[in-house]
Amino acid sequence: EAAEIIYRTYEYYIYRYPQKRFHGKTANQVRQEALTAVTPEQYPIAPSRKIERFWEGIEKSKAKHQAQAQQ
């Protein structure tokens, strides 16, 4: 029963769910277009400020640890 639910969820998101990032197309429509196109259309991932802040924090932490190691 769980496997059936997982499969149906997967099927919904791939074949039936239009996504804003694909300009209203489903993932399957985008894939089919990409397979037939000479130059597939690009759908870049929108930048996320939350993720950028996360990586900035990592870089600050690395710099702090490097400075402590040099002392």
C-alpha atoms as a PDB file:
ATOM      1  CA  GLU A   1       0.000   0.000   0.000  1.00  0.00           C
ATOM      2  CA  ALA A   2       2.836   2.421   0.836  1.00  0.00           C
ATOM      3  CA  ALA A   3       4.591   1.607  -2.437  1.00  0.00           C
ATOM      4  CA  GLU A   4       1.390   2.377  -4.349  1.00  0.00           C
ATOM      5  CA  ILE A   5       1.032   5.748  -2.625  1.00  0.00           C
ATOM      6  CA  ILE A   6       4.649   6.629  -3.376  1.00  0.00           C
ATOM      7  CA  TYR A   7       4.232   5.649  -7.022  1.00  0.00           C
ATOM      8  CA  ARG A   8       1.026   7.673  -7.385  1.00  0.00           C
ATOM      9  CA  THR A   9       2.670  10.725  -5.797  1.00  0.00           C
ATOM     10  CA  TYR A  10       5.663  10.404  -8.126  1.00  0.00           C
ATOM     11  CA  GLU A  11       3.359  10.011 -11.128  1.00  0.00           C
ATOM     12  CA  TYR A  12       1.382  13.108 -10.144  1.00  0.00           C
ATOM     13  CA  TYR A  13       4.429  15.366  -9.852  1.00  0.00           C
ATOM     14  CA  ILE A  14       6.029  14.129 -13.059  1.00  0.00           C
ATOM     15  CA  TYR A  15       3.009  13.904 -15.360  1.00  0.00           C
ATOM     16  CA  ARG A  16       0.249  16.118 -13.969  1.00  0.00           C
ATOM     17  CA  TYR A  17       1.672  18.934 -11.830  1.00  0.00           C
ATOM     18  CA  PRO A  18       2.467  22.116 -13.815  1.00  0.00           C
ATOM     19  CA  GLN A  19       5.378  23.926 -12.241  1.00  0.00           C
ATOM     20  CA  LYS A  20       5.940  27.658 -12.092  1.00  0.00           C
ATOM     21  CA  ARG A  21       9.681  27.256 -12.772  1.00  0.00           C
ATOM     22  CA  PHE A  22       8.830  25.420 -16.030  1.00  0.00           C
ATOM     23  CA  HIS A  23       6.431  28.200 -17.083  1.00  0.00           C
ATOM     24  CA  GLY A  24       3.328  26.092 -16.431  1.00  0.00           C
ATOM     25  CA  LYS A  25       4.598  22.866 -17.993  1.00  0.00           C
ATOM     26  CA  THR A  26       4.902  19.510 -16.266  1.00  0.00           C
ATOM     27  CA  ALA A  27       8.298  17.888 -15.716  1.00  0.00           C
ATOM     28  CA  ASN A  28       7.452  15.257 -18.329  1.00  0.00           C
ATOM     29  CA  GLN A  29       6.583  17.914 -20.930  1.00  0.00           C
ATOM     30  CA  VAL A  30       9.904  19.644 -20.331  1.00  0.00           C
ATOM     31  CA  ARG A  31      11.766  16.339 -20.598  1.00  0.00           C
ATOM     32  CA  GLN A  32      10.046  15.401 -23.858  1.00  0.00           C
ATOM     33  CA  GLU A  33      10.820  18.814 -25.347  1.00  0.00           C
ATOM     34  CA  ALA A  34      14.459  18.516 -24.272  1.00  0.00           C
ATOM     35  CA  LEU A  35      14.796  15.079 -25.862  1.00  0.00           C
ATOM     36  CA  THR A  36      13.536  16.324 -29.235  1.00  0.00           C
ATOM     37  CA  ALA A  37      15.183  19.766 -29.314  1.00  0.00           C
ATOM     38  CA  VAL A  38      18.601  20.486 -30.765  1.00  0.00           C
ATOM     39  CA  THR A  39      19.138  23.143 -28.105  1.00  0.00           C
ATOM     40  CA  PRO A  40      16.855  22.497 -25.111  1.00  0.00           C
ATOM     41  CA  GLU A  41      15.297  25.448 -23.318  1.00  0.00           C
ATOM     42  CA  GLN A  42      17.022  26.332 -20.056  1.00  0.00           C
ATOM     43  CA  TYR A  43      15.130  26.556 -16.782  1.00  0.00           C
ATOM     44  CA  PRO A  44      17.665  27.948 -14.284  1.00  0.00           C
ATOM     45  CA  ILE A  45      17.042  27.490 -10.582  1.00  0.00           C
ATOM     46  CA  ALA A  46      16.083  30.766  -8.938  1.00  0.00           C
ATOM     47  CA  PRO A  47      18.585  31.949  -6.334  1.00  0.00           C
ATOM     48  CA  SER A  48      17.569  31.380  -2.733  1.00  0.00           C
ATOM     49  CA  ARG A  49      18.723  33.958  -0.188  1.00  0.00           C
ATOM     50  CA  LYS A  50      18.320  31.389   2.585  1.00  0.00           C
ATOM     51  CA  ILE A  51      20.815  29.055   0.913  1.00  0.00           C
ATOM     52  CA  GLU A  52      23.187  31.930   0.148  1.00  0.00           C
ATOM     53  CA  ARG A  53      23.184  32.966   3.829  1.00  0.00           C
ATOM     54  CA  PHE A  54      23.857  29.354   4.821  1.00  0.00           C
ATOM     55  CA  TRP A  55      26.967  29.163   2.626  1.00  0.00           C
ATOM     56  CA  GLU A  56      28.128  32.620   3.764  1.00  0.00           C
ATOM     57  CA  GLY A  57      27.963  31.323   7.341  1.00  0.00           C
ATOM     58  CA  ILE A  58      30.023  28.273   6.360  1.00  0.00           C
ATOM     59  CA  GLU A  59      32.679  30.475   4.743  1.00  0.00           C
ATOM     60  CA  LYS A  60      32.839  32.755   7.815  1.00  0.00           C
ATOM     61  CA  SER A  61      33.213  29.729  10.066  1.00  0.00           C
ATOM     62  CA  LYS A  62      36.009  28.323   7.899  1.00  0.00           C
ATOM     63  CA  ALA A  63      37.833  31.661   7.918  1.00  0.00           C
ATOM     64  CA  LYS A  64      37.491  31.901  11.711  1.00  0.00           C
ATOM     65  CA  HIS A  65      38.895  28.392  12.204  1.00  0.00           C
ATOM     66  CA  GLN A  66      41.770  29.051   9.800  1.00  0.00           C
ATOM     67  CA  ALA A  67      42.650  32.259  11.667  1.00  0.00           C
ATOM     68  CA  GLN A  68      42.636  30.396  14.981  1.00  0.00           C
ATOM     69  CA  ALA A  69      44.834  27.642  13.566  1.00  0.00           C
ATOM     70  CA  GLN A  70      47.436  30.189  12.402  1.00  0.00           C
ATOM     71  CA  GLN A  71      47.773  31.757  15.854  1.00  0.00           C
END
